[in-house]
Protein backbone atom coordinates (compact mmCIF):
# COMPACT_ATOMS: atom_id res chain seq x y z
CA UNK A 1 0.00 0.00 0.00
CA UNK A 2 1.31 3.44 -0.94
CA UNK A 3 2.34 5.62 1.98
CA UNK A 4 0.81 9.06 2.41
CA UNK A 5 4.11 10.92 2.63
CA UNK A 6 6.77 11.31 -0.05
CA UNK A 7 10.11 12.82 0.95
CA UNK A 8 11.63 14.49 -2.10
CA UNK A 9 15.28 15.56 -2.05
CA UNK A 10 16.42 17.75 -4.93
CA UNK A 11 19.99 17.05 -5.97
CA UNK A 12 22.50 18.73 -8.22
CA UNK A 13 26.08 17.49 -7.90
CA UNK A 14 25.45 16.77 -4.25
CA UNK A 15 26.85 13.26 -3.91
CA UNK A 16 28.75 14.25 -0.73
CA UNK A 17 25.59 15.56 0.95
CA UNK A 18 23.65 12.43 -0.01
CA UNK A 19 26.39 10.20 1.36
CA UNK A 20 26.41 12.13 4.64
CA UNK A 21 22.70 12.69 5.31
CA UNK A 22 20.59 10.28 3.26
CA UNK A 23 21.27 7.29 5.58
CA UNK A 24 19.60 9.19 8.44
CA UNK A 25 16.61 10.06 6.27
CA UNK A 26 16.17 6.40 5.37
CA UNK A 27 16.60 5.28 8.99
CA UNK A 28 14.16 7.75 10.53
CA UNK A 29 11.50 7.91 7.77
CA UNK A 30 9.94 4.46 7.71
CA UNK A 31 6.50 6.00 7.23
CA UNK A 32 7.48 7.66 3.94
CA UNK A 33 8.61 6.84 0.42
CA UNK A 34 11.90 8.57 -0.39
CA UNK A 35 12.72 10.15 -3.73
CA UNK A 36 15.78 11.93 -5.06
CA UNK A 37 15.05 14.33 -7.91
CA UNK A 38 18.27 14.81 -9.84
CA UNK A 39 18.73 18.07 -11.75
CA UNK A 40 21.04 16.51 -14.39
CA UNK A 41 24.06 16.23 -12.10
CA UNK A 42 27.48 15.93 -13.69
CA UNK A 43 29.00 14.11 -10.71
CA UNK A 44 28.32 10.45 -9.86
CA UNK A 45 25.26 11.16 -7.69
CA UNK A 46 22.90 8.91 -9.61
CA UNK A 47 25.34 6.00 -9.82
CA UNK A 48 26.05 6.35 -6.10
CA UNK A 49 22.31 6.19 -5.30
CA UNK A 50 21.70 3.21 -7.54
CA UNK A 51 24.52 1.29 -5.93
CA UNK A 52 23.99 2.18 -2.26
CA UNK A 53 20.29 3.05 -1.81
CA UNK A 54 18.12 0.55 -3.70
CA UNK A 55 14.97 1.56 -1.79
CA UNK A 56 15.28 5.24 -2.79
CA UNK A 57 13.41 6.21 -5.96
CA UNK A 58 15.35 8.30 -8.48
CA UNK A 59 13.72 10.85 -10.77
CA UNK A 60 15.97 12.28 -13.48
CA UNK A 61 15.24 15.78 -14.77
CA UNK A 62 16.49 16.51 -18.28
CA UNK A 63 18.35 19.69 -17.20
CA UNK A 64 19.13 21.81 -14.14
CA UNK A 65 15.86 23.64 -13.54
CA UNK A 66 17.03 25.21 -10.27
CA UNK A 67 15.25 24.69 -6.97
CA UNK A 68 11.81 25.93 -8.04
CA UNK A 69 11.63 24.41 -11.49
CA UNK A 70 13.45 21.26 -10.40
CA UNK A 71 10.79 20.44 -7.84
CA UNK A 72 7.99 21.38 -10.21
CA UNK A 73 9.31 18.92 -12.78
CA UNK A 74 10.23 16.12 -10.40
CA UNK A 75 7.06 16.17 -8.32
CA UNK A 76 4.88 15.62 -11.39
CA UNK A 77 5.52 11.90 -11.12
CA UNK A 78 5.06 11.65 -7.33
CA UNK A 79 1.43 11.02 -6.41
CA UNK A 80 1.36 11.01 -2.61
CA UNK A 81 -1.01 12.96 -0.40
CA UNK A 82 1.78 14.90 1.29
CA UNK A 83 5.17 16.08 0.09
CA UNK A 84 8.21 16.83 2.21
CA UNK A 85 10.70 18.86 0.19
CA UNK A 86 13.99 18.28 1.98
CA UNK A 87 17.38 19.81 1.26
CA UNK A 88 20.19 17.32 0.81
CA UNK A 89 22.24 19.06 3.53
CA UNK A 90 19.70 18.42 6.32
CA UNK A 91 20.17 15.98 9.18
CA UNK A 92 16.83 14.62 10.37
CA UNK A 93 16.08 13.20 13.81
CA UNK A 94 14.06 10.30 15.17
CA UNK A 95 10.27 10.74 14.80
CA UNK A 96 10.74 13.97 12.88
CA UNK A 97 7.79 13.40 10.53
CA UNK A 98 5.13 12.34 13.03
CA UNK A 99 4.27 15.74 14.61
CA UNK A 100 4.03 17.33 11.17
CA UNK A 101 1.75 14.65 9.79
CA UNK A 102 -0.43 14.88 12.89
CA UNK A 103 -0.98 18.59 12.23
CA UNK A 104 -1.85 17.99 8.59
CA UNK A 105 -4.13 15.04 9.32
CA UNK A 106 -6.11 16.88 12.03
CA UNK A 107 -6.33 20.35 10.46
CA UNK A 108 -7.60 20.45 6.86
CA UNK A 109 -7.05 24.23 6.65
CA UNK A 110 -3.29 23.82 7.11
CA UNK A 111 -1.47 23.57 3.78
CA UNK A 112 2.20 23.65 4.74
CA UNK A 113 4.27 22.95 7.86
CA UNK A 114 7.89 23.27 8.87
CA UNK A 115 9.74 21.81 11.88
CA UNK A 116 12.26 23.55 14.14
CA UNK A 117 15.40 24.14 12.08
CA UNK A 118 18.67 24.27 14.01
CA UNK A 119 22.22 24.86 12.83
CA UNK A 120 24.20 21.71 12.02
CA UNK A 121 27.49 23.39 12.91
CA UNK A 122 26.28 25.28 16.00
CA UNK A 123 23.63 22.89 17.25
CA UNK A 124 22.20 24.92 20.13
CA UNK A 125 21.37 27.83 17.79
CA UNK A 126 18.69 28.29 15.16
CA UNK A 127 19.62 28.10 11.49
CA UNK A 128 19.26 31.02 9.11
CA UNK A 129 16.91 29.33 6.63
CA UNK A 130 13.66 29.03 8.55
CA UNK A 131 14.62 28.82 12.25
CA UNK A 132 11.31 28.52 14.14
CA UNK A 133 8.99 29.64 11.37
CA UNK A 134 8.99 32.45 8.84
CA UNK A 135 7.30 35.84 9.18
CA UNK A 136 7.33 39.02 7.09
CA UNK A 137 7.16 42.76 7.75
CA UNK A 138 5.12 45.46 6.02
CA UNK A 139 7.94 46.15 3.53
CA UNK A 140 8.20 42.49 2.55
CA UNK A 141 11.38 41.67 4.47
CA UNK A 142 11.32 37.99 5.48
CA UNK A 143 12.53 37.04 8.95
CA UNK A 144 11.99 34.19 11.37
CA UNK A 145 11.20 33.43 14.94
CA UNK A 146 14.75 32.85 16.11
CA UNK A 147 16.44 34.80 13.28
CA UNK A 148 16.19 38.45 12.25
CA UNK A 149 18.44 39.34 9.30
CA UNK A 150 21.80 37.80 10.32
CA UNK A 151 21.16 37.65 14.09
CA UNK A 152 20.42 34.16 15.40
CA UNK A 153 18.94 33.14 18.75
CA UNK A 154 20.03 30.26 20.92
CA UNK A 155 17.40 27.55 21.25
CA UNK A 156 16.31 27.58 24.89
CA UNK A 157 12.90 26.04 24.30
CA UNK A 158 11.27 29.41 23.63
CA UNK A 159 9.80 28.09 20.36
CA UNK A 160 8.71 24.60 21.37
CA UNK A 161 5.14 25.51 20.44
CA UNK A 162 2.89 24.83 17.46
CA UNK A 163 1.67 28.02 15.85
CA UNK A 164 0.59 29.68 12.64
CA UNK A 165 3.38 31.37 10.67
CA UNK A 166 3.62 33.24 7.38
CA UNK A 167 6.06 31.04 5.49
CA UNK A 168 7.65 27.63 5.91
CA UNK A 169 11.28 27.09 5.00
CA UNK A 170 12.08 25.39 1.72
CA UNK A 171 14.91 23.44 3.35
CA UNK A 172 12.31 21.24 5.10
CA UNK A 173 8.92 22.02 3.61
CA UNK A 174 5.87 19.80 4.16
CA UNK A 175 2.86 20.54 1.97
CA UNK A 176 -0.35 18.89 0.80
CA UNK A 177 0.22 17.82 -2.79
CA UNK A 178 -3.28 19.00 -3.73
CA UNK A 179 -2.54 22.53 -2.53
CA UNK A 180 0.87 22.56 -4.19
CA UNK A 181 -0.64 21.81 -7.58
CA UNK A 182 -3.67 24.05 -7.13
CA UNK A 183 -1.15 26.90 -6.91
CA UNK A 184 0.77 25.53 -9.92
CA UNK A 185 3.71 24.80 -7.67
CA UNK A 186 6.64 27.15 -7.29
CA UNK A 187 7.17 30.10 -9.60
CA UNK A 188 9.88 28.55 -11.79
CA UNK A 189 11.11 32.01 -12.85
CA UNK A 190 12.54 32.43 -9.35
CA UNK A 191 15.01 29.57 -10.04
CA UNK A 192 16.06 29.60 -6.35
CA UNK A 193 15.48 31.66 -3.18
CA UNK A 194 12.17 32.94 -1.76
CA UNK A 195 10.06 30.68 -3.98
CA UNK A 196 8.68 29.02 -0.84
CA UNK A 197 7.71 32.41 0.64
CA UNK A 198 5.91 33.31 -2.57
CA UNK A 199 4.05 29.98 -2.56
CA UNK A 200 3.05 30.35 1.09
CA UNK A 201 1.82 33.90 0.43
CA UNK A 202 -0.33 32.63 -2.42
CA UNK A 203 -1.71 29.89 -0.18
CA UNK A 204 -2.57 32.44 2.51
CA UNK A 205 -4.25 34.70 -0.05
CA UNK A 206 -6.37 31.70 -1.06
CA UNK A 207 -7.49 31.12 2.56
CA UNK A 208 -5.03 28.43 3.67
CA UNK A 209 -2.79 28.33 6.75
CA UNK A 210 0.94 27.76 7.22
CA UNK A 211 2.16 26.19 10.47
CA UNK A 212 5.27 25.50 12.54
CA UNK A 213 5.77 22.69 15.01
CA UNK A 214 8.52 22.70 17.63
CA UNK A 215 7.83 19.02 18.33
CA UNK A 216 9.93 18.10 15.31
CA UNK A 217 13.49 19.25 14.67
CA UNK A 218 16.14 18.97 11.99
CA UNK A 219 19.68 20.32 11.59
CA UNK A 220 20.58 22.28 8.47
CA UNK A 221 24.11 22.91 7.18
CA UNK A 222 23.05 25.86 4.99
CA UNK A 223 24.87 27.31 2.01
CA UNK A 224 25.23 23.91 0.39
CA UNK A 225 24.55 25.38 -3.05
CA UNK A 226 25.16 29.12 -2.67
CA UNK A 227 26.88 30.53 0.41
CA UNK A 228 25.70 33.69 2.12
CA UNK A 229 28.46 35.79 0.50
CA UNK A 230 27.53 34.75 -3.05
CA UNK A 231 26.74 37.65 -5.38
CA UNK A 232 24.37 35.35 -7.28
CA UNK A 233 22.45 34.76 -4.06
CA UNK A 234 22.20 38.53 -3.56
CA UNK A 235 20.86 38.86 -7.09
CA UNK A 236 18.27 36.10 -6.73
CA UNK A 237 17.04 37.29 -3.33
CA UNK A 238 16.63 40.91 -4.47
CA UNK A 239 14.99 40.06 -7.80
CA UNK A 240 12.65 37.41 -6.41
CA UNK A 241 11.59 39.46 -3.41
CA UNK A 242 10.46 42.33 -5.63
CA UNK A 243 8.54 39.99 -7.94
CA UNK A 244 6.93 38.34 -4.92
CA UNK A 245 5.76 41.73 -3.64
CA UNK A 246 4.29 42.74 -7.00
CA UNK A 247 2.46 39.43 -7.24
CA UNK A 248 1.03 39.23 -3.72
CA UNK A 249 0.69 42.68 -2.14
CA UNK A 250 -2.77 44.27 -1.86
CA UNK A 251 -3.30 46.68 -4.75
CA UNK A 252 -3.42 49.70 -2.44
CA UNK A 253 0.11 48.95 -1.20
CA UNK A 254 1.88 47.82 -4.36
CA UNK A 255 3.25 51.15 -5.61
CA UNK A 256 4.48 52.72 -2.39
CA UNK A 257 5.95 49.54 -0.90
CA UNK A 258 7.87 48.61 -4.06
CA UNK A 259 9.10 52.18 -4.58
CA UNK A 260 10.30 52.30 -0.97
CA UNK A 261 11.98 48.91 -1.35
CA UNK A 262 13.77 49.97 -4.54
CA UNK A 263 15.23 52.92 -2.64
CA UNK A 264 16.28 50.76 0.30
CA UNK A 265 17.78 48.20 -2.08
CA UNK A 266 19.95 50.96 -3.51
CA UNK A 267 21.28 51.74 -0.05
CA UNK A 268 21.79 48.03 0.59
CA UNK A 269 23.69 47.74 -2.70
CA UNK A 270 26.21 50.36 -1.57
CA UNK A 271 26.55 48.60 1.80
CA UNK A 272 27.02 45.20 0.16
CA UNK A 273 29.58 46.69 -2.22
CA UNK A 274 31.64 48.00 0.68
CA UNK A 275 31.28 44.85 2.79
CA UNK A 276 31.43 42.08 0.18
CA UNK A 277 32.77 43.69 -2.99
CA UNK A 278 31.61 45.44 -6.15
CA UNK A 279 30.05 42.24 -7.52
CA UNK A 280 27.30 42.50 -4.90
CA UNK A 281 26.53 46.11 -5.82
CA UNK A 282 26.28 45.02 -9.43
CA UNK A 283 24.05 42.11 -8.38
CA UNK A 284 21.52 44.55 -6.86
CA UNK A 285 21.47 46.60 -10.07
CA UNK A 286 21.02 43.48 -12.22
CA UNK A 287 18.21 42.32 -9.91
CA UNK A 288 16.31 45.57 -10.42
CA UNK A 289 16.55 45.44 -14.20
CA UNK A 290 15.48 41.78 -14.20
CA UNK A 291 12.50 42.70 -12.02
CA UNK A 292 11.48 45.45 -14.45
CA UNK A 293 11.63 43.03 -17.37
CA UNK A 294 9.37 40.58 -15.51
CA UNK A 295 6.70 43.11 -14.51
CA UNK A 296 4.13 42.30 -17.27
CA UNK A 297 4.30 38.56 -16.62
CA UNK A 298 4.33 38.96 -12.86
CA UNK A 299 1.28 41.23 -12.88
CA UNK A 300 -0.70 38.59 -14.77
CA UNK A 301 -0.02 36.11 -11.95
CA UNK A 302 -1.73 38.21 -9.29
CA UNK A 303 -4.65 36.41 -7.65
CA UNK A 304 -8.15 37.82 -7.38
CA UNK A 305 -7.72 38.41 -3.64
CA UNK A 306 -4.78 39.65 -1.56
CA UNK A 307 -4.88 39.66 2.22
CA UNK A 308 -4.72 43.30 3.37
CA UNK A 309 -2.86 42.70 6.64
CA UNK A 310 -0.20 40.17 5.70
CA UNK A 311 2.64 41.19 8.01
CA UNK A 312 3.56 40.49 11.64
CA UNK A 313 5.86 43.49 12.17
CA UNK A 314 6.20 47.01 10.80
CA UNK A 315 9.42 48.72 9.70
CA UNK A 316 11.59 45.80 10.77
CA UNK A 317 14.73 47.08 9.05
CA UNK A 318 14.62 50.39 10.93
CA UNK A 319 13.83 48.80 14.27
CA UNK A 320 16.66 46.33 13.87
CA UNK A 321 19.49 48.39 12.40
CA UNK A 322 18.66 51.83 13.79
CA UNK A 323 16.80 50.91 16.97
CA UNK A 324 18.94 47.94 17.90
CA UNK A 325 15.90 45.73 18.48
């Protein structure tokens, strides 16, 4: 009998991550079928899987579609009730799936769930990509319970709850397959970064809920594909965030929020250029021009309804950097 949960790990030249973390996924996920979606790797990932993990299903994409498009393509042939999209650089723990499935089984309004995400290298602290559940401020800046910009909290049990959040992290992202496909999956134009926030925002605008559970935990290495100092990551984050805002903001807020963000991005570009190098300043400029070129297509993707109060904090960037909060 087919299991309800499919764990899907997207891979591109990640043989080392699979060798390190896939055994734990197999050991602690007896209630799930496990898939590796390969984005046309040029290393020996597929051969390694075929030789060492006969119970793991392999789906071969015909090219590297990135994170968003790679999952969209690979998940087409997975027909389970629930998906868990899991990064290859994540260490799972015993019984990590059970609390998440319990939430989904008992609450039909919940579309997506994430567990507590801790740092693999600094295990008592939260990890950047998701921490204890994602939130967003009125200018569209994503942050997390346990992480605001680059500041991380130590895990002292303060987020051992189960609560509604705004976005669930793509590094360990549980979602109902029906809801994933009703939203046409991720926006493949994003390629990578913030596609899960965009999807969660669309789900919320359609009346669904996103949840976090502190009863499950995983450990994330982070930066397995692009490290935090990558200019390409700066480019993707800036471009995708602007497109996400244009697509999902209430109409009354679109113009002023995006204009304000463009100005703040310019300031950030100068800061990044000084701190990380001129390539990051150029990345911000490229991101803006790419956003402008996508405006007609992005506008067509707006839903018929946008939630007017979507944020959990106001003016986060000023409170954090100027107010020290």
